[in-house]
Amino acid sequence: MSDDTPHDDLPDIDESFEAQGDEADKQIFDEDDKTEFKAGIGLSLGSGMARGFAHIGVLNSLMRHGIQPSIVTGTSMGAVVGACYLAGRLPALEEWATSLNRMKILSYLDLRVRSAGMIGGKKLNKLLSEHFADMYIEDLPHPFIAIAADLVTGHEVWLRKGSLIEAMSASFALPGVFPPVVRNGRLLVDGALVNPVPVAPAQALGARMTIGVDLNTDIIGKAAKPGQTYSTIAGFDLFDDDDVPQEEQKRLKSGMARRLFSRKKDAPSLFGVMVSALGIMQDRMTRSRLAGDPPDIHIKPQIGHIGLLEFEKAEELIALGEEAAEKSIPEIKEAMKLFLRHGE
């Protein structure tokens, strides 16, 4: 636990690199000693951008088998799906995700060339507000932590109180793509930079067993299409008439947009290079963190062939997430017998 946590003036933020053991439990629970819950299964949902839709399938499988986590932690899209689950909005998220197509995805791109992020995020925030307006993390039925990173200090930040929309937005604020979220005077960005699969926070909250859902196990090189020498991050090219009608391309008429998203034959775009590089970093960080904080059950959907921004493939991602979870059900039930012997 870093020396500066928790701060009296920042009651809703914990910063940690190694939040483990009795001391970590004490620092979290001393502040919340009025909240009582059974610390049974901790579910840690990892980052992965569009691949995060696989978490929906994992949760559908767990619910079908009566496996209910009492603690949920999430990073980036994992935080979004985890929050939707606890707020009872998972069916709505699944319905929205499976309705996405290329034109609908483009409708959410409010590009801004003179800001801290290429996408303003106002349209996405409006969408979140339709389902989570005035909802706070404290309102959720079970403890929840969204992971973000402090852009100035590089610290891992645990968002466990306050606005649910703000916590989700900070956790998926991909640097350069979305602007940082300002919270208590701090600039917060995507938690995948520091902890892509947040097992340690679930352990710190007292989880008796942990299930980690890792979306980065087969990421490197898998999204490259046959004959290509680079990974595809999206299923279409913004400035290709075969993929996007010219009428829609006119919405992205700025020269900056063309420089960011257009590409030469057999070469990625500038935006593609940036996102692919972040994906590589995310993969390496995941391996490092899970080596030190391994979950008791490690669910690894095989989704590396799907690009990081192929949101239109939600149906396939959900199915693959469900498939991976189903394979782990026998192992989960055996682990529950071992770790939850007193019915936690």
Protein backbone atom coordinates (compact mmCIF):
# COMPACT_ATOMS: atom_id res chain seq x y z
CA MET A 1 0.00 0.00 0.00
CA SER A 2 1.49 3.33 -0.96
CA ASP A 3 2.28 5.70 1.89
CA ASP A 4 -0.30 8.27 0.82
CA THR A 5 -3.41 6.12 1.25
CA PRO A 6 -6.02 6.64 2.36
CA HIS A 7 -6.00 10.46 2.36
CA ASP A 8 -8.36 12.29 4.68
CA ASP A 9 -9.10 14.78 1.91
CA LEU A 10 -9.67 12.04 -0.66
CA PRO A 11 -12.11 9.71 1.08
CA ASP A 12 -13.28 8.07 -2.13
CA ILE A 13 -9.91 7.12 -3.58
CA ASP A 14 -7.36 4.51 -2.54
CA GLU A 15 -4.00 4.31 -4.27
CA SER A 16 -2.10 1.07 -4.19
CA PHE A 17 0.52 -1.01 -5.89
CA GLU A 18 0.46 -3.94 -3.48
CA ALA A 19 -2.86 -3.98 -1.62
CA GLN A 20 -2.57 -7.32 0.12
CA GLY A 21 -2.68 -8.78 3.59
CA ASP A 22 -4.19 -7.75 6.92
CA GLU A 23 -2.91 -4.16 6.74
CA ALA A 24 -4.66 -3.56 3.42
CA ASP A 25 -7.87 -5.07 4.80
CA LYS A 26 -7.65 -2.84 7.86
CA GLN A 27 -7.15 0.35 5.88
CA ILE A 28 -10.20 -0.35 3.76
CA PHE A 29 -12.55 -1.75 6.37
CA ASP A 30 -11.79 0.72 9.17
CA GLU A 31 -13.40 3.44 7.08
CA ASP A 32 -16.43 1.31 6.19
CA ASP A 33 -16.99 -0.57 9.45
CA LYS A 34 -20.75 0.01 9.28
CA THR A 35 -21.05 -1.98 6.07
CA GLU A 36 -21.50 -5.70 6.58
CA PHE A 37 -21.38 -8.30 3.85
CA LYS A 38 -20.19 -11.85 3.38
CA ALA A 39 -16.80 -11.74 1.73
CA GLY A 40 -17.15 -14.82 -0.45
CA ILE A 41 -16.30 -14.79 -4.16
CA GLY A 42 -14.38 -11.87 -5.62
CA LEU A 43 -14.81 -11.41 -9.37
CA SER A 44 -12.11 -9.42 -11.19
CA LEU A 45 -13.03 -8.32 -14.72
CA GLY A 46 -10.11 -7.34 -16.92
CA SER A 47 -9.59 -4.66 -19.54
CA GLY A 48 -9.80 -5.21 -23.27
CA MET A 49 -11.80 -2.45 -24.96
CA ALA A 50 -14.37 -4.08 -27.28
CA ARG A 51 -13.24 -7.50 -26.07
CA GLY A 52 -14.76 -6.52 -22.73
CA PHE A 53 -18.13 -7.64 -24.07
CA ALA A 54 -16.89 -11.19 -23.36
CA HIS A 55 -17.47 -10.41 -19.67
CA ILE A 56 -21.22 -10.38 -20.37
CA GLY A 57 -21.03 -14.01 -21.47
CA VAL A 58 -18.95 -14.94 -18.41
CA LEU A 59 -21.49 -13.37 -16.06
CA ASN A 60 -24.41 -15.00 -17.88
CA SER A 61 -22.76 -18.38 -17.35
CA LEU A 62 -22.02 -17.75 -13.67
CA MET A 63 -25.58 -16.61 -13.01
CA ARG A 64 -27.01 -19.63 -14.78
CA HIS A 65 -25.08 -21.88 -12.39
CA GLY A 66 -26.08 -19.88 -9.32
CA ILE A 67 -22.57 -18.51 -8.74
CA GLN A 68 -22.91 -15.01 -7.31
CA PRO A 69 -19.82 -12.91 -6.56
CA SER A 70 -20.04 -10.77 -3.42
CA ILE A 71 -17.20 -8.45 -4.52
CA VAL A 72 -16.64 -7.10 -8.03
CA THR A 73 -13.58 -5.25 -9.29
CA GLY A 74 -13.04 -4.09 -12.85
CA THR A 75 -10.65 -2.27 -15.13
CA SER A 76 -11.71 -0.28 -18.20
CA MET A 77 -14.51 -2.21 -19.95
CA GLY A 78 -14.37 -4.67 -17.07
CA ALA A 79 -15.43 -1.83 -14.78
CA VAL A 80 -18.32 -0.94 -17.09
CA VAL A 81 -19.62 -4.51 -17.30
CA GLY A 82 -19.09 -5.09 -13.57
CA ALA A 83 -21.01 -1.94 -12.69
CA CYS A 84 -23.85 -2.89 -15.05
CA TYR A 85 -24.04 -6.33 -13.42
CA LEU A 86 -24.28 -4.97 -9.88
CA ALA A 87 -26.73 -2.26 -10.91
CA GLY A 88 -29.04 -4.78 -12.59
CA ARG A 89 -28.34 -3.31 -16.04
CA LEU A 90 -26.55 -6.28 -17.61
CA PRO A 91 -29.47 -7.28 -19.88
CA ALA A 92 -29.71 -3.67 -21.12
CA LEU A 93 -25.96 -3.61 -21.80
CA GLU A 94 -26.17 -6.88 -23.72
CA GLU A 95 -29.10 -5.61 -25.79
CA TRP A 96 -27.22 -2.40 -26.63
CA ALA A 97 -23.96 -4.22 -27.40
CA THR A 98 -25.56 -6.69 -29.80
CA SER A 99 -27.34 -3.84 -31.61
CA LEU A 100 -24.07 -2.13 -32.54
CA ASN A 101 -23.14 -1.87 -36.19
CA ARG A 102 -20.64 0.27 -38.07
CA MET A 103 -22.92 3.26 -38.48
CA LYS A 104 -24.01 3.20 -34.84
CA ILE A 105 -20.39 3.01 -33.71
CA LEU A 106 -19.55 6.03 -35.87
CA SER A 107 -22.43 7.96 -34.30
CA TYR A 108 -20.65 7.87 -30.94
CA LEU A 109 -17.43 9.40 -32.31
CA ASP A 110 -17.44 13.07 -31.32
CA LEU A 111 -13.94 13.83 -32.57
CA ARG A 112 -12.02 16.74 -31.04
CA VAL A 113 -8.63 17.61 -32.47
CA ARG A 114 -7.70 20.27 -29.91
CA SER A 115 -8.15 18.49 -26.61
CA ALA A 116 -6.56 15.89 -24.33
CA GLY A 117 -8.39 13.13 -26.21
CA MET A 118 -9.40 12.50 -29.81
CA ILE A 119 -12.93 11.55 -28.75
CA GLY A 120 -14.78 14.00 -26.51
CA GLY A 121 -16.90 11.30 -24.86
CA LYS A 122 -19.99 13.47 -24.44
CA LYS A 123 -22.18 11.10 -26.45
CA LEU A 124 -21.01 8.11 -24.42
CA ASN A 125 -21.54 10.00 -21.16
CA LYS A 126 -25.07 10.84 -22.29
CA LEU A 127 -25.67 7.15 -22.91
CA LEU A 128 -24.33 6.26 -19.46
CA SER A 129 -26.49 8.95 -17.87
CA GLU A 130 -29.62 7.33 -19.28
CA HIS A 131 -28.96 4.29 -17.08
CA PHE A 132 -26.82 5.50 -14.16
CA ALA A 133 -27.85 9.11 -13.53
CA ASP A 134 -27.39 10.06 -9.86
CA MET A 135 -26.22 6.52 -9.02
CA TYR A 136 -23.34 6.11 -6.59
CA ILE A 137 -21.01 3.20 -5.99
CA GLU A 138 -22.36 3.09 -2.43
CA ASP A 139 -25.83 2.34 -3.86
CA LEU A 140 -24.70 -0.97 -5.36
CA PRO A 141 -25.70 -4.15 -3.49
CA HIS A 142 -22.10 -5.40 -3.18
CA PRO A 143 -18.67 -3.75 -2.89
CA PHE A 144 -17.31 -2.52 -6.22
CA ILE A 145 -13.95 -1.05 -7.20
CA ALA A 146 -13.10 0.50 -10.56
CA ILE A 147 -9.40 0.79 -11.36
CA ALA A 148 -7.86 3.93 -12.84
CA ALA A 149 -4.36 5.38 -13.10
CA ASP A 150 -3.15 8.77 -11.92
CA LEU A 151 -1.69 10.44 -15.01
CA VAL A 152 0.73 12.55 -12.94
CA THR A 153 2.07 10.08 -10.37
CA GLY A 154 1.46 6.81 -12.22
CA HIS A 155 -0.23 5.41 -9.12
CA GLU A 156 -2.95 2.80 -9.28
CA VAL A 157 -6.20 4.36 -8.06
CA TRP A 158 -9.09 2.39 -6.58
CA LEU A 159 -12.44 4.14 -7.10
CA ARG A 160 -14.81 2.71 -4.52
CA LYS A 161 -17.09 5.62 -3.64
CA GLY A 162 -18.86 8.44 -5.40
CA SER A 163 -20.40 8.80 -8.86
CA LEU A 164 -20.66 5.50 -10.72
CA ILE A 165 -20.52 7.23 -14.11
CA GLU A 166 -17.39 9.12 -13.11
CA ALA A 167 -15.70 5.92 -11.90
CA MET A 168 -16.51 4.04 -15.11
CA SER A 169 -15.44 6.96 -17.30
CA ALA A 170 -12.10 7.28 -15.51
CA SER A 171 -11.46 3.55 -15.74
CA PHE A 172 -11.90 3.45 -19.54
CA ALA A 173 -10.28 6.83 -20.34
CA LEU A 174 -7.78 5.43 -22.83
CA PRO A 175 -4.91 7.94 -23.03
CA GLY A 176 -5.01 9.96 -26.23
CA VAL A 177 -8.44 8.59 -27.16
CA PHE A 178 -10.59 9.91 -24.29
CA PRO A 179 -9.67 12.92 -22.15
CA PRO A 180 -8.59 12.23 -18.55
CA VAL A 181 -11.29 12.42 -15.89
CA VAL A 182 -10.66 15.05 -13.22
CA ARG A 183 -11.53 13.72 -9.78
CA ASN A 184 -10.51 15.41 -6.52
CA GLY A 185 -7.85 17.37 -8.35
CA ARG A 186 -6.34 14.31 -10.01
CA LEU A 187 -6.16 13.44 -13.71
CA LEU A 188 -7.33 9.85 -14.04
CA VAL A 189 -6.91 7.61 -17.09
CA ASP A 190 -7.49 3.98 -18.10
CA GLY A 191 -6.65 1.55 -15.30
CA ALA A 192 -5.24 -0.93 -17.84
CA LEU A 193 -1.99 1.03 -17.61
CA VAL A 194 -1.42 -0.23 -14.07
CA ASN A 195 -3.64 -3.25 -13.33
CA PRO A 196 -5.44 -4.89 -16.28
CA VAL A 197 -6.98 -7.73 -14.20
CA PRO A 198 -7.56 -6.31 -10.69
CA VAL A 199 -7.28 -9.36 -8.45
CA ALA A 200 -5.47 -7.60 -5.58
CA PRO A 201 -8.37 -5.19 -4.81
CA ALA A 202 -10.78 -8.12 -4.46
CA GLN A 203 -8.32 -9.82 -2.11
CA ALA A 204 -7.93 -6.61 -0.10
CA LEU A 205 -11.70 -6.42 0.35
CA GLY A 206 -11.57 -9.88 1.93
CA ALA A 207 -12.64 -12.22 -0.89
CA ARG A 208 -12.31 -15.84 0.22
CA MET A 209 -11.71 -16.91 -3.38
CA THR A 210 -11.09 -14.96 -6.55
CA ILE A 211 -12.12 -15.44 -10.16
CA GLY A 212 -10.10 -13.44 -12.68
CA VAL A 213 -11.31 -12.92 -16.24
CA ASP A 214 -8.32 -12.17 -18.47
CA LEU A 215 -9.00 -10.91 -22.00
CA ASN A 216 -5.34 -10.60 -23.00
CA THR A 217 -4.14 -14.21 -23.01
CA ASP A 218 -3.92 -14.65 -26.77
CA ILE A 219 -3.74 -11.06 -27.94
CA ILE A 220 -0.32 -10.71 -29.60
CA GLY A 221 -0.52 -11.09 -33.37
CA LYS A 222 -3.86 -12.89 -33.37
CA ALA A 223 -5.88 -10.00 -34.78
CA ALA A 224 -3.78 -9.89 -37.95
CA LYS A 225 -5.87 -10.91 -40.93
CA PRO A 226 -4.50 -13.35 -43.53
CA GLY A 227 -1.97 -11.62 -45.77
CA GLN A 228 -1.54 -8.68 -43.41
CA THR A 229 1.59 -7.82 -41.45
CA TYR A 230 -0.22 -5.80 -38.77
CA SER A 231 -3.04 -6.35 -36.29
CA THR A 232 -6.47 -5.04 -37.19
CA ILE A 233 -8.00 -2.99 -34.37
CA ALA A 234 -11.38 -2.43 -36.01
CA GLY A 235 -13.42 -4.42 -38.46
CA PHE A 236 -13.55 -1.65 -41.04
CA ASP A 237 -11.68 1.36 -42.43
CA LEU A 238 -13.27 4.75 -41.89
CA PHE A 239 -12.11 6.07 -45.25
CA ASP A 240 -12.83 3.04 -47.41
CA ASP A 241 -15.92 3.37 -49.59
CA ASP A 242 -16.51 -0.39 -49.37
CA ASP A 243 -16.68 -0.19 -45.56
CA VAL A 244 -18.22 3.22 -44.86
CA PRO A 245 -20.53 5.15 -47.24
CA GLN A 246 -19.13 8.47 -48.45
CA GLU A 247 -22.03 10.28 -46.76
CA GLU A 248 -20.83 9.01 -43.38
CA GLN A 249 -17.20 9.75 -44.21
CA LYS A 250 -18.15 13.42 -44.64
CA ARG A 251 -18.89 13.55 -40.90
CA LEU A 252 -15.14 13.09 -40.39
CA LYS A 253 -14.18 15.80 -42.85
CA SER A 254 -11.32 17.36 -40.86
CA GLY A 255 -7.78 16.88 -42.12
CA MET A 256 -6.77 15.69 -38.66
CA ALA A 257 -9.32 12.86 -38.79
CA ARG A 258 -7.94 11.69 -42.12
CA ARG A 259 -4.38 11.76 -40.82
CA LEU A 260 -5.39 9.75 -37.78
CA PHE A 261 -7.58 7.10 -39.37
CA SER A 262 -6.58 6.74 -43.03
CA ARG A 263 -3.90 4.24 -43.95
CA LYS A 264 -1.85 3.07 -46.89
CA LYS A 265 -2.22 -0.37 -48.35
CA ASP A 266 -0.78 -3.09 -46.10
CA ALA A 267 -0.02 -0.59 -43.34
CA PRO A 268 -1.89 0.46 -40.19
CA SER A 269 -3.23 3.94 -39.52
CA LEU A 270 -1.70 6.29 -36.95
CA PHE A 271 -4.63 5.55 -34.66
CA GLY A 272 -4.16 1.82 -35.23
CA VAL A 273 -0.48 2.00 -34.30
CA MET A 274 -1.31 3.81 -31.07
CA VAL A 275 -4.06 1.43 -29.98
CA SER A 276 -2.05 -1.66 -30.96
CA ALA A 277 0.90 -0.39 -28.93
CA LEU A 278 -1.34 0.09 -25.92
CA GLY A 279 -2.62 -3.43 -26.46
CA ILE A 280 0.91 -4.85 -26.34
CA MET A 281 1.64 -2.91 -23.17
CA GLN A 282 -1.61 -4.17 -21.67
CA ASP A 283 -0.68 -7.76 -22.47
CA ARG A 284 2.75 -7.46 -20.83
CA MET A 285 1.33 -5.68 -17.79
CA THR A 286 -1.31 -8.40 -17.38
CA ARG A 287 1.30 -11.14 -17.35
CA SER A 288 3.37 -9.27 -14.79
CA ARG A 289 0.51 -8.47 -12.43
CA LEU A 290 -1.07 -11.92 -12.56
CA ALA A 291 2.29 -13.52 -11.78
CA GLY A 292 2.28 -11.63 -8.49
CA ASP A 293 -1.49 -11.70 -7.83
CA PRO A 294 -2.86 -14.87 -9.44
CA PRO A 295 -6.59 -15.54 -9.09
CA ASP A 296 -7.79 -18.84 -7.70
CA ILE A 297 -9.73 -19.38 -10.93
CA HIS A 298 -8.40 -17.94 -14.18
CA ILE A 299 -10.94 -17.63 -17.00
CA LYS A 300 -9.30 -16.91 -20.36
CA PRO A 301 -11.69 -16.39 -23.30
CA GLN A 302 -9.99 -17.08 -26.63
CA ILE A 303 -10.76 -13.79 -28.34
CA GLY A 304 -7.38 -12.60 -29.64
CA HIS A 305 -8.56 -12.86 -33.23
CA ILE A 306 -11.02 -10.02 -32.63
CA GLY A 307 -9.66 -6.47 -32.87
CA LEU A 308 -9.59 -4.23 -29.83
CA LEU A 309 -12.17 -1.89 -31.38
CA GLU A 310 -14.39 -4.42 -33.17
CA PHE A 311 -17.43 -3.47 -31.12
CA GLU A 312 -19.73 -4.78 -33.84
CA LYS A 313 -18.69 -8.34 -32.90
CA ALA A 314 -20.38 -8.20 -29.50
CA GLU A 315 -22.50 -11.28 -30.14
CA GLU A 316 -19.44 -13.41 -30.91
CA LEU A 317 -17.52 -12.00 -27.95
CA ILE A 318 -20.38 -12.74 -25.55
CA ALA A 319 -20.61 -16.30 -26.85
CA LEU A 320 -16.86 -16.86 -26.48
CA GLY A 321 -16.93 -15.45 -22.96
CA GLU A 322 -19.75 -17.78 -22.04
CA GLU A 323 -17.92 -20.73 -23.57
CA ALA A 324 -14.78 -20.01 -21.54
CA ALA A 325 -16.78 -19.67 -18.32
CA GLU A 326 -18.66 -22.91 -18.93
CA LYS A 327 -15.36 -24.76 -19.19
CA SER A 328 -14.34 -23.35 -15.81
CA ILE A 329 -17.59 -24.14 -13.96
CA PRO A 330 -16.46 -27.56 -12.60
CA GLU A 331 -13.22 -25.98 -11.33
CA ILE A 332 -15.12 -23.08 -9.77
CA LYS A 333 -17.49 -25.41 -7.93
CA GLU A 334 -14.60 -27.47 -6.59
CA ALA A 335 -12.86 -24.29 -5.45
CA MET A 336 -16.03 -23.14 -3.71
CA LYS A 337 -16.08 -26.36 -1.70
CA LEU A 338 -12.52 -25.66 -0.58
CA PHE A 339 -12.58 -21.91 0.03
CA LEU A 340 -16.21 -21.38 1.05
CA ARG A 341 -16.63 -24.28 3.43
CA HIS A 342 -18.91 -22.36 5.78
CA GLY A 343 -21.36 -21.22 3.14
CA GLU A 344 -19.90 -17.77 2.50
